[in-house]
Amino acid sequence: MAETTGTASAKGFRSAELGWPELHRIPHPPRRVPLIGDVLGASVRSPLQDSMRFGRLLGPIFRRNAFGKEIVFVWGAELAAELADESRFAKHVGLGVANLRPVAGDGLFTAYNHEPNWQLAHDVLAPGFSREAMEAYHPMMLAVTERLTDHWDRERAAGRSVDVPGDMTKLTLETIARTGFGHDFGSFERARPHPFILAMVGTLTYAQRLNAVPAPLAPLLLRGALRRNEADIAYLNRTVDSLIAARRSSSGEGDLLDRMLETAHPETGERLAPQNIRRQVITFLVAGHETTSGALSFALHYLSRHPDVAARARAEVDRVWGDTERPGYDQVAKLRYVRRVLDESLRLWPTAPAFAREARRDTVLGGVHPMRQGAWTLVLTAMLHRDPDVWGDDAERFDPGRFDARAVRARPAHTFKPFGTGARACIGRQFALHEATLVLGLLLRRYELRADPEYRLRVAERLTLMPQGLRLHLDRRAPALDSVPGRPVARAGD
């Protein structure tokens, strides 16, 4: 088996003063208080947006302290490009990611670099995201999206707005469950979210809360939350164990679960252990739908607020797909402007909003800041994507034109990182991008999206990001003929 990447990560939180010899050179927020640090005025519910605010104030590298936990943050493009160098830096599993290890263990997302199951699982599962595999998933993605549009048609007919984050979560959970594991949660047939979603949100929220509470006080302050988290983890484990047991007693589907159960490493013959299979399934079910649902929700928000962008994207769908009822796999990649809308949404609000990197050996970051081996920093992706030196003084403005081919070629490398970086970047990124582009194309072709004029974007944080309380009104589009013979376009219907 290929050698695992990275350095052996010590367990537990490592405060920055242990790894940054000249920490005093890195600015921190004003009004730091002994013992409690920089917590005055901080928000427990929105730590990422707090850090973005301090990043704007303090510059491309800064630090924050909460109850003795000192963290170095980076968002400047030049520093982030250095941190993307795999010869010097590796993924660091810390903060909220490490807090998920009780449920995900050494799954692909939460494994430490030295744990062998990461490389084994990666090598076994990578073919599950090949072009051939993606083409096999495509019809199931279409079928799940049809369940969404049936639901939205009913809501529209009843004169109701639609719950965008809730419905995108149902959509992406069903998609990864069906394509990866042959399972149907029946999300669109339920009046309330499936218990799996509630348990998943519970574990993510608990992992986030642990970051904001002093470790010695966590058992006291989070006693009730801990019990709920343990119950949530138990439910996730039971659900996945029953799913795996059902597959063992039936014929295979050729999907990700079959690969986990039946495929040996091509070089060593090693197989995933039963406990690791459970952890990988949970990882895919959680990570495989949570971030994509957020990306779709933000994209729909921006489309509803920018009718000129929506019109251009809709015109592309009409032109490329024509009267094809169920677009083929190859037709999705041809929606280049729709993909730019998605990328621009991910730029402004990358649903995995940060990633951590640690030094493989002693080094100096930016030629200024010494780092000992194992020292780590958190790259604020949401701020990297707003660096004015890369994206301009209007970096807060939504503009899909930033992702036309010429603009992309002109930008420095490592400035757009919604899926992390390096060997440990998201294995399912092509799956997510195909799914999201397909869904946006289908929804744009079917509906006009109307925003609530009173709504103001609020971003909910639960390790991932999601627009909070976003609801949209829908108008059904009716086909009309344009000047191209036999090709329908669309106009607003009722």
Protein backbone atom coordinates (compact mmCIF):
# COMPACT_ATOMS: atom_id res chain seq x y z
CA MET A 1 0.00 0.00 0.00
CA ALA A 2 1.16 3.52 -0.70
CA GLU A 3 2.76 5.27 2.24
CA THR A 4 0.43 7.55 4.15
CA THR A 5 0.99 11.26 3.83
CA GLY A 6 1.81 13.74 6.51
CA THR A 7 3.24 13.64 9.98
CA ALA A 8 2.10 11.75 13.03
CA SER A 9 -0.42 14.02 14.71
CA ALA A 10 -0.44 14.29 18.46
CA LYS A 11 -3.84 13.79 20.03
CA GLY A 12 -5.53 16.68 21.71
CA PHE A 13 -5.41 20.41 21.11
CA ARG A 14 -1.98 21.97 20.60
CA SER A 15 -1.93 25.66 21.44
CA ALA A 16 -0.01 27.91 19.05
CA GLU A 17 2.68 28.93 21.55
CA LEU A 18 3.96 25.32 21.41
CA GLY A 19 4.75 25.53 17.73
CA TRP A 20 5.29 29.19 16.82
CA PRO A 21 8.54 30.45 18.48
CA GLU A 22 7.90 34.09 17.53
CA LEU A 23 4.20 34.23 18.16
CA HIS A 24 4.50 37.82 19.40
CA ARG A 25 5.03 38.96 15.81
CA ILE A 26 1.49 37.86 14.88
CA PRO A 27 -1.24 40.40 15.72
CA HIS A 28 -4.21 39.56 17.92
CA PRO A 29 -7.49 41.36 18.71
CA PRO A 30 -7.40 44.38 20.99
CA ARG A 31 -8.62 44.21 24.58
CA ARG A 32 -7.21 40.74 25.28
CA VAL A 33 -8.03 39.74 28.86
CA PRO A 34 -5.84 37.46 31.01
CA LEU A 35 -7.13 33.89 31.42
CA ILE A 36 -10.10 34.28 29.10
CA GLY A 37 -8.25 35.77 26.11
CA ASP A 38 -10.22 37.32 23.25
CA VAL A 39 -13.69 36.08 24.11
CA LEU A 40 -15.27 39.43 25.03
CA GLY A 41 -17.78 40.25 22.34
CA ALA A 42 -17.24 36.93 20.58
CA SER A 43 -20.18 34.87 19.36
CA VAL A 44 -20.46 31.22 20.31
CA ARG A 45 -22.86 30.65 17.43
CA SER A 46 -20.78 32.27 14.67
CA PRO A 47 -17.07 31.75 15.40
CA LEU A 48 -16.18 31.64 11.71
CA GLN A 49 -17.83 34.97 10.98
CA ASP A 50 -16.16 36.39 14.11
CA SER A 51 -12.80 35.28 12.75
CA MET A 52 -13.58 36.83 9.39
CA ARG A 53 -14.29 40.12 11.14
CA PHE A 54 -10.96 39.98 12.96
CA GLY A 55 -9.20 38.99 9.75
CA ARG A 56 -10.38 42.17 8.07
CA LEU A 57 -9.12 44.13 11.06
CA LEU A 58 -5.77 42.41 11.68
CA GLY A 59 -4.56 41.30 8.26
CA PRO A 60 -3.60 38.11 6.42
CA ILE A 61 -2.19 36.31 9.47
CA PHE A 62 -3.49 36.79 13.01
CA ARG A 63 -4.19 34.89 16.19
CA ARG A 64 -7.02 34.47 18.66
CA ASN A 65 -7.07 33.10 22.19
CA ALA A 66 -10.00 31.62 24.09
CA PHE A 67 -9.42 30.34 27.61
CA GLY A 68 -5.76 29.57 26.89
CA LYS A 69 -6.33 28.04 23.45
CA GLU A 70 -4.23 30.08 21.04
CA ILE A 71 -4.91 29.62 17.32
CA VAL A 72 -3.12 31.16 14.34
CA PHE A 73 -5.34 32.04 11.38
CA VAL A 74 -4.18 32.65 7.81
CA TRP A 75 -6.12 34.03 4.88
CA GLY A 76 -3.62 35.92 2.72
CA ALA A 77 -3.25 34.33 -0.72
CA GLU A 78 0.56 34.18 -0.69
CA LEU A 79 0.66 32.51 2.71
CA ALA A 80 -2.14 30.11 1.75
CA ALA A 81 -0.21 29.12 -1.38
CA GLU A 82 2.78 28.22 0.79
CA LEU A 83 0.58 26.15 3.08
CA ALA A 84 -0.70 24.24 0.03
CA ASP A 85 2.84 22.96 -0.63
CA GLU A 86 2.55 19.24 0.17
CA SER A 87 6.30 18.91 0.58
CA ARG A 88 6.22 21.29 3.57
CA PHE A 89 2.72 20.97 5.00
CA ALA A 90 0.04 18.31 5.52
CA LYS A 91 -3.56 18.22 6.67
CA HIS A 92 -4.02 18.89 10.38
CA VAL A 93 -6.95 17.19 12.09
CA GLY A 94 -7.97 19.55 14.87
CA LEU A 95 -10.72 21.73 16.29
CA GLY A 96 -14.17 20.67 15.15
CA VAL A 97 -12.86 17.96 12.82
CA ALA A 98 -11.16 16.15 15.69
CA ASN A 99 -14.37 16.57 17.70
CA LEU A 100 -16.10 14.36 15.12
CA ARG A 101 -13.77 11.43 15.69
CA PRO A 102 -16.11 9.75 18.23
CA VAL A 103 -18.53 9.17 15.35
CA ALA A 104 -16.29 9.12 12.25
CA GLY A 105 -13.05 7.76 13.75
CA ASP A 106 -10.42 7.14 11.08
CA GLY A 107 -12.81 7.80 8.22
CA LEU A 108 -11.46 9.67 5.21
CA PHE A 109 -12.28 13.12 6.59
CA THR A 110 -11.26 12.67 10.22
CA ALA A 111 -8.30 10.26 10.02
CA TYR A 112 -4.93 11.42 11.24
CA ASN A 113 -2.27 11.40 8.53
CA HIS A 114 -0.37 8.52 10.11
CA GLU A 115 -3.42 6.22 10.35
CA PRO A 116 -3.14 3.59 7.60
CA ASN A 117 -6.88 3.29 6.96
CA TRP A 118 -6.92 6.70 5.29
CA GLN A 119 -4.69 5.65 2.39
CA LEU A 120 -6.28 2.20 2.20
CA ALA A 121 -9.80 3.64 1.98
CA HIS A 122 -8.71 6.33 -0.47
CA ASP A 123 -7.14 3.82 -2.85
CA VAL A 124 -10.07 1.41 -2.61
CA LEU A 125 -12.74 4.09 -3.08
CA ALA A 126 -11.13 6.41 -5.62
CA PRO A 127 -12.45 4.35 -8.60
CA GLY A 128 -15.94 4.98 -7.19
CA PHE A 129 -15.57 8.56 -8.44
CA SER A 130 -14.25 7.75 -11.91
CA ARG A 131 -16.07 8.91 -15.03
CA GLU A 132 -17.58 5.45 -15.50
CA ALA A 133 -18.91 5.46 -11.93
CA MET A 134 -20.23 9.01 -12.25
CA GLU A 135 -22.16 8.10 -15.40
CA ALA A 136 -23.81 5.27 -13.45
CA TYR A 137 -24.79 7.69 -10.65
CA HIS A 138 -26.29 10.24 -13.04
CA PRO A 139 -29.72 8.57 -13.56
CA MET A 140 -30.16 8.27 -9.79
CA MET A 141 -29.33 11.96 -9.37
CA LEU A 142 -32.03 12.74 -11.93
CA ALA A 143 -34.55 10.53 -10.14
CA VAL A 144 -33.94 12.18 -6.76
CA THR A 145 -34.21 15.65 -8.30
CA GLU A 146 -37.57 14.66 -9.78
CA ARG A 147 -38.75 13.88 -6.26
CA LEU A 148 -37.65 17.37 -5.24
CA THR A 149 -39.48 19.04 -8.15
CA ASP A 150 -42.62 17.01 -7.43
CA HIS A 151 -42.48 18.34 -3.88
CA TRP A 152 -41.84 21.90 -5.05
CA ASP A 153 -44.70 21.67 -7.55
CA ARG A 154 -47.05 20.73 -4.72
CA GLU A 155 -45.80 23.58 -2.54
CA ARG A 156 -46.16 26.07 -5.40
CA ALA A 157 -49.67 24.85 -6.23
CA ALA A 158 -50.62 25.35 -2.58
CA GLY A 159 -49.28 28.91 -2.69
CA ARG A 160 -46.46 28.18 -0.27
CA SER A 161 -42.82 29.21 -0.43
CA VAL A 162 -40.21 26.46 -0.23
CA ASP A 163 -37.69 25.79 2.54
CA VAL A 164 -34.49 25.87 0.50
CA PRO A 165 -31.91 24.59 3.05
CA GLY A 166 -34.29 21.92 4.32
CA ASP A 167 -35.16 20.66 0.85
CA MET A 168 -31.57 20.79 -0.41
CA THR A 169 -30.57 18.72 2.61
CA LYS A 170 -33.23 16.13 1.76
CA LEU A 171 -32.11 16.11 -1.85
CA THR A 172 -28.41 15.61 -1.21
CA LEU A 173 -28.94 13.05 1.54
CA GLU A 174 -31.12 10.94 -0.75
CA THR A 175 -28.62 11.33 -3.59
CA ILE A 176 -25.58 10.09 -1.69
CA ALA A 177 -27.63 7.40 0.09
CA ARG A 178 -28.97 6.00 -3.20
CA THR A 179 -25.87 6.35 -5.34
CA GLY A 180 -23.39 5.27 -2.71
CA PHE A 181 -25.28 2.78 -0.60
CA GLY A 182 -28.49 1.75 -2.38
CA HIS A 183 -30.60 3.17 0.44
CA ASP A 184 -33.72 5.34 0.39
CA PHE A 185 -34.42 7.46 3.47
CA GLY A 186 -37.80 8.58 2.10
CA SER A 187 -37.00 12.20 2.96
CA PHE A 188 -39.55 13.79 0.63
CA GLU A 189 -42.34 11.63 1.99
CA ARG A 190 -41.79 12.91 5.53
CA ALA A 191 -43.33 15.97 7.12
CA ARG A 192 -40.28 16.33 9.38
CA PRO A 193 -36.59 15.80 8.64
CA HIS A 194 -35.44 12.21 8.78
CA PRO A 195 -33.98 11.32 12.20
CA PHE A 196 -30.65 10.70 10.48
CA ILE A 197 -30.52 14.38 9.48
CA LEU A 198 -31.43 15.48 13.00
CA ALA A 199 -28.73 13.26 14.50
CA MET A 200 -26.19 14.46 11.95
CA VAL A 201 -26.95 18.12 12.65
CA GLY A 202 -26.74 17.36 16.35
CA THR A 203 -23.24 15.87 16.10
CA LEU A 204 -21.99 18.75 13.93
CA THR A 205 -23.44 21.34 16.28
CA TYR A 206 -21.96 19.62 19.32
CA ALA A 207 -18.53 19.46 17.66
CA GLN A 208 -18.78 23.20 17.02
CA ARG A 209 -19.83 23.97 20.60
CA LEU A 210 -16.88 22.05 22.04
CA ASN A 211 -14.55 24.58 20.44
CA ALA A 212 -16.10 27.43 22.42
CA VAL A 213 -16.05 25.87 25.90
CA PRO A 214 -12.96 25.53 28.12
CA ALA A 215 -12.01 21.84 28.13
CA PRO A 216 -12.13 21.45 31.96
CA LEU A 217 -15.64 22.93 32.06
CA ALA A 218 -17.08 21.03 29.09
CA PRO A 219 -18.35 18.03 31.12
CA LEU A 220 -20.24 20.43 33.40
CA LEU A 221 -21.47 23.05 30.93
CA LEU A 222 -22.33 20.59 28.17
CA ARG A 223 -23.64 17.71 30.26
CA GLY A 224 -27.03 17.64 28.58
CA ALA A 225 -25.51 18.26 25.15
CA LEU A 226 -23.08 15.40 25.72
CA ARG A 227 -25.94 12.99 26.44
CA ARG A 228 -27.76 14.12 23.31
CA ASN A 229 -24.57 13.76 21.28
CA GLU A 230 -24.03 10.23 22.55
CA ALA A 231 -27.61 9.39 21.60
CA ASP A 232 -27.11 10.95 18.17
CA ILE A 233 -23.93 8.92 17.60
CA ALA A 234 -25.67 5.74 18.70
CA TYR A 235 -28.50 6.40 16.25
CA LEU A 236 -26.09 7.08 13.37
CA ASN A 237 -24.21 3.86 14.17
CA ARG A 238 -27.40 1.79 14.35
CA THR A 239 -28.68 3.19 11.08
CA VAL A 240 -25.45 2.48 9.23
CA ASP A 241 -25.02 -0.97 10.79
CA SER A 242 -28.49 -1.99 9.59
CA LEU A 243 -27.72 -0.63 6.12
CA ILE A 244 -24.49 -2.66 5.96
CA ALA A 245 -26.18 -5.79 7.32
CA ALA A 246 -28.90 -5.55 4.66
CA ARG A 247 -26.29 -5.32 1.92
CA ARG A 248 -24.33 -8.31 3.22
CA SER A 249 -27.46 -10.43 2.92
CA SER A 250 -28.37 -9.29 -0.60
CA SER A 251 -26.81 -8.99 -4.02
CA GLY A 252 -24.45 -6.11 -4.67
CA GLU A 253 -25.20 -2.85 -6.43
CA GLY A 254 -21.68 -2.03 -7.62
CA ASP A 255 -21.69 1.16 -5.55
CA LEU A 256 -19.41 2.61 -2.85
CA LEU A 257 -20.68 0.20 -0.23
CA ASP A 258 -19.88 -2.78 -2.42
CA ARG A 259 -16.38 -1.43 -2.89
CA MET A 260 -15.97 -1.14 0.87
CA LEU A 261 -17.25 -4.67 1.48
CA GLU A 262 -15.68 -6.55 -1.43
CA THR A 263 -12.70 -4.67 -2.88
CA ALA A 264 -9.15 -5.35 -1.76
CA HIS A 265 -6.30 -2.90 -2.18
CA PRO A 266 -4.86 -3.52 -5.68
CA GLU A 267 -1.28 -3.81 -4.39
CA THR A 268 -1.47 -5.29 -0.91
CA GLY A 269 -4.75 -7.19 -0.91
CA GLU A 270 -5.80 -5.43 2.32
CA ARG A 271 -9.50 -4.90 2.99
CA LEU A 272 -11.33 -2.37 5.11
CA ALA A 273 -12.20 -3.66 8.58
CA PRO A 274 -15.91 -3.77 9.55
CA GLN A 275 -15.61 -0.89 12.02
CA ASN A 276 -13.83 1.25 9.44
CA ILE A 277 -16.54 0.50 6.87
CA ARG A 278 -19.10 1.89 9.30
CA ARG A 279 -16.98 5.00 9.77
CA GLN A 280 -16.53 5.50 6.05
CA VAL A 281 -20.27 5.15 5.40
CA ILE A 282 -21.05 7.74 8.09
CA THR A 283 -18.37 10.02 6.65
CA PHE A 284 -19.87 9.84 3.16
CA LEU A 285 -23.45 10.22 4.33
CA VAL A 286 -22.61 13.26 6.45
CA ALA A 287 -19.89 14.99 4.43
CA GLY A 288 -21.34 13.81 1.13
CA HIS A 289 -24.55 15.71 1.55
CA GLU A 290 -24.02 18.46 4.12
CA THR A 291 -21.63 20.62 2.10
CA THR A 292 -23.43 20.14 -1.23
CA SER A 293 -26.77 21.12 0.28
CA GLY A 294 -25.19 24.33 1.56
CA ALA A 295 -23.60 25.08 -1.81
CA LEU A 296 -26.93 24.64 -3.60
CA SER A 297 -28.76 26.76 -1.04
CA PHE A 298 -26.32 29.67 -1.35
CA ALA A 299 -26.43 29.43 -5.15
CA LEU A 300 -30.24 29.55 -5.18
CA HIS A 301 -30.13 32.54 -2.83
CA TYR A 302 -27.84 34.47 -5.17
CA LEU A 303 -29.82 33.46 -8.26
CA SER A 304 -33.01 34.77 -6.65
CA ARG A 305 -31.28 38.07 -5.82
CA HIS A 306 -29.68 38.53 -9.24
CA PRO A 307 -32.36 38.07 -11.91
CA ASP A 308 -29.92 39.05 -14.68
CA VAL A 309 -27.61 36.20 -13.66
CA ALA A 310 -30.55 33.80 -13.38
CA ALA A 311 -31.78 34.82 -16.85
CA ARG A 312 -28.37 34.19 -18.40
CA ALA A 313 -28.01 30.84 -16.65
CA ARG A 314 -31.54 29.84 -17.69
CA ALA A 315 -30.87 30.80 -21.29
CA GLU A 316 -27.78 28.57 -21.27
CA VAL A 317 -29.82 25.64 -19.96
CA ASP A 318 -32.45 26.18 -22.67
CA ARG A 319 -29.79 26.44 -25.37
CA VAL A 320 -27.68 23.46 -24.28
CA TRP A 321 -30.36 21.04 -23.18
CA GLY A 322 -33.11 22.06 -25.59
CA ASP A 323 -36.18 19.89 -25.27
CA THR A 324 -34.30 16.95 -23.73
CA GLU A 325 -36.49 15.82 -20.86
CA ARG A 326 -33.68 14.09 -18.96
CA PRO A 327 -30.29 15.58 -19.82
CA GLY A 328 -27.47 13.09 -20.27
CA TYR A 329 -24.30 12.92 -18.23
CA ASP A 330 -22.18 14.75 -20.81
CA GLN A 331 -24.70 17.58 -21.12
CA VAL A 332 -24.13 18.71 -17.53
CA ALA A 333 -20.51 19.76 -18.05
CA LYS A 334 -21.65 21.94 -20.96
CA LEU A 335 -23.48 24.25 -18.52
CA ARG A 336 -20.41 26.42 -18.12
CA TYR A 337 -22.17 29.55 -16.91
CA VAL A 338 -24.29 27.59 -14.41
CA ARG A 339 -21.06 26.12 -13.08
CA ARG A 340 -19.65 29.65 -12.72
CA VAL A 341 -22.69 30.59 -10.63
CA LEU A 342 -21.97 27.61 -8.40
CA ASP A 343 -18.27 28.45 -8.14
CA GLU A 344 -18.97 32.08 -7.28
CA SER A 345 -21.39 30.97 -4.56
CA LEU A 346 -18.69 28.67 -3.19
CA ARG A 347 -16.22 31.53 -3.33
CA LEU A 348 -18.32 33.79 -1.15
CA TRP A 349 -19.55 31.07 1.19
CA PRO A 350 -17.47 27.89 0.94
CA THR A 351 -19.62 25.50 2.91
CA ALA A 352 -16.48 23.92 4.37
CA PRO A 353 -15.20 27.35 5.39
CA ALA A 354 -11.69 26.55 6.65
CA PHE A 355 -9.02 23.88 6.62
CA ALA A 356 -6.04 23.28 8.88
CA ARG A 357 -2.43 22.65 7.85
CA GLU A 358 0.54 21.51 9.90
CA ALA A 359 4.28 21.72 9.26
CA ARG A 360 5.92 18.44 8.25
CA ARG A 361 9.22 19.76 9.60
CA ASP A 362 10.62 23.00 11.00
CA THR A 363 10.01 25.77 8.48
CA VAL A 364 9.41 29.51 8.12
CA LEU A 365 6.08 30.74 6.78
CA GLY A 366 6.24 33.76 4.51
CA GLY A 367 9.92 34.14 5.31
CA VAL A 368 8.88 35.74 8.63
CA HIS A 369 7.12 33.29 10.95
CA PRO A 370 9.06 30.23 12.21
CA MET A 371 7.01 27.05 12.68
CA ARG A 372 8.20 23.94 14.46
CA GLN A 373 7.35 20.51 13.11
CA GLY A 374 3.71 19.81 13.95
CA ALA A 375 2.80 23.49 14.37
CA TRP A 376 -0.49 24.19 12.66
CA THR A 377 -2.67 27.01 11.40
CA LEU A 378 -6.24 27.39 10.23
CA VAL A 379 -6.70 28.70 6.69
CA LEU A 380 -9.89 30.78 6.53
CA THR A 381 -11.15 29.79 3.09
CA ALA A 382 -13.99 32.30 3.24
CA MET A 383 -11.42 35.09 3.69
CA LEU A 384 -8.90 33.68 1.22
CA HIS A 385 -11.73 33.90 -1.31
CA ARG A 386 -12.11 37.58 -0.45
CA ASP A 387 -8.44 38.61 -0.58
CA PRO A 388 -8.57 41.93 -2.45
CA ASP A 389 -5.09 41.34 -3.90
CA VAL A 390 -6.59 38.41 -5.83
CA TRP A 391 -10.28 39.14 -6.20
CA GLY A 392 -10.25 42.95 -6.29
CA ASP A 393 -11.75 45.63 -4.10
CA ASP A 394 -15.24 44.37 -4.97
CA ALA A 395 -14.55 40.89 -3.60
CA GLU A 396 -17.80 40.94 -1.59
CA ARG A 397 -19.84 41.35 -4.77
CA PHE A 398 -21.45 38.30 -6.39
CA ASP A 399 -20.10 38.02 -9.94
CA PRO A 400 -19.92 34.67 -11.79
CA GLY A 401 -17.73 36.37 -14.40
CA ARG A 402 -14.81 35.84 -12.02
CA PHE A 403 -14.81 32.22 -13.19
CA ASP A 404 -14.74 32.64 -16.94
CA ALA A 405 -11.78 30.81 -18.44
CA ARG A 406 -9.62 33.90 -18.99
CA ALA A 407 -10.09 35.15 -15.41
CA VAL A 408 -9.29 31.72 -13.97
CA ARG A 409 -6.08 31.46 -16.00
CA ALA A 410 -5.00 34.92 -14.87
CA ARG A 411 -5.34 34.17 -11.15
CA PRO A 412 -2.52 32.72 -9.07
CA ALA A 413 -2.79 29.07 -8.05
CA HIS A 414 -4.24 28.04 -4.68
CA THR A 415 -6.61 31.01 -4.39
CA PHE A 416 -9.87 29.02 -4.73
CA LYS A 417 -10.10 26.16 -2.25
CA PRO A 418 -13.71 25.17 -1.48
CA PHE A 419 -12.75 21.50 -1.24
CA GLY A 420 -9.55 21.82 0.78
CA THR A 421 -6.11 21.17 -0.65
CA GLY A 422 -3.56 18.52 -1.38
CA ALA A 423 -3.72 14.76 -0.96
CA ARG A 424 -6.48 15.08 1.65
CA ALA A 425 -8.76 17.30 -0.45
CA CYS A 426 -12.37 16.09 -0.76
CA ILE A 427 -12.44 12.79 -2.66
CA GLY A 428 -16.02 13.44 -3.78
CA ARG A 429 -15.59 16.93 -5.22
CA GLN A 430 -16.40 15.91 -8.82
CA PHE A 431 -19.48 14.06 -7.58
CA ALA A 432 -20.62 17.16 -5.68
CA LEU A 433 -19.99 19.54 -8.59
CA HIS A 434 -21.79 17.32 -11.09
CA GLU A 435 -24.75 16.87 -8.77
CA ALA A 436 -25.02 20.57 -7.93
CA THR A 437 -24.69 21.73 -11.55
CA LEU A 438 -27.32 19.22 -12.67
CA VAL A 439 -29.74 20.27 -9.93
CA LEU A 440 -29.32 23.99 -10.62
CA GLY A 441 -29.89 23.41 -14.33
CA LEU A 442 -33.07 21.42 -13.72
CA LEU A 443 -34.46 23.97 -11.26
CA LEU A 444 -33.66 26.95 -13.48
CA ARG A 445 -35.37 25.26 -16.42
CA ARG A 446 -38.50 24.57 -14.40
CA TYR A 447 -38.93 27.61 -12.14
CA GLU A 448 -38.58 31.34 -11.81
CA LEU A 449 -37.15 32.02 -8.35
CA ARG A 450 -38.59 34.91 -6.34
CA ALA A 451 -36.83 36.11 -3.22
CA ASP A 452 -38.60 37.42 -0.17
CA PRO A 453 -37.74 41.15 -0.26
CA GLU A 454 -37.59 41.19 3.55
CA TYR A 455 -35.02 38.39 3.79
CA ARG A 456 -31.44 39.26 4.66
CA LEU A 457 -28.80 36.57 4.36
CA ARG A 458 -27.91 35.05 7.72
CA VAL A 459 -25.31 32.31 7.77
CA ALA A 460 -25.76 29.44 10.20
CA GLU A 461 -22.60 27.67 11.39
CA ARG A 462 -22.43 24.02 12.40
CA LEU A 463 -18.88 23.31 11.18
CA THR A 464 -20.36 23.72 7.71
CA LEU A 465 -22.23 26.82 6.55
CA MET A 466 -25.85 27.17 5.49
CA PRO A 467 -28.11 30.16 4.74
CA GLN A 468 -30.46 30.34 7.69
CA GLY A 469 -34.20 30.66 7.18
CA LEU A 470 -33.99 30.94 3.39
CA ARG A 471 -37.34 30.50 1.67
CA LEU A 472 -38.12 31.18 -1.99
CA HIS A 473 -41.31 31.66 -3.95
CA LEU A 474 -41.64 29.76 -7.21
CA ASP A 475 -43.30 30.49 -10.53
CA ARG A 476 -43.64 27.58 -12.97
CA ARG A 477 -42.13 28.26 -16.35
CA ALA A 478 -44.01 27.44 -19.56
CA PRO A 479 -42.20 26.51 -22.79
CA ALA A 480 -42.20 28.78 -25.82
CA LEU A 481 -40.41 28.53 -29.17
CA ASP A 482 -37.43 30.68 -30.03
CA SER A 483 -35.87 31.25 -33.42
CA VAL A 484 -34.06 27.91 -33.42
CA PRO A 485 -36.36 25.32 -35.07
CA GLY A 486 -37.49 22.64 -32.69
CA ARG A 487 -35.77 24.15 -29.66
CA PRO A 488 -37.90 25.42 -26.79
CA VAL A 489 -37.01 28.27 -24.55
CA ALA A 490 -39.04 29.34 -21.57
CA ARG A 491 -40.92 32.31 -20.28
CA ALA A 492 -42.48 33.03 -16.94
CA GLY A 493 -45.74 31.16 -16.49
CA ASP A 494 -48.37 31.64 -13.87
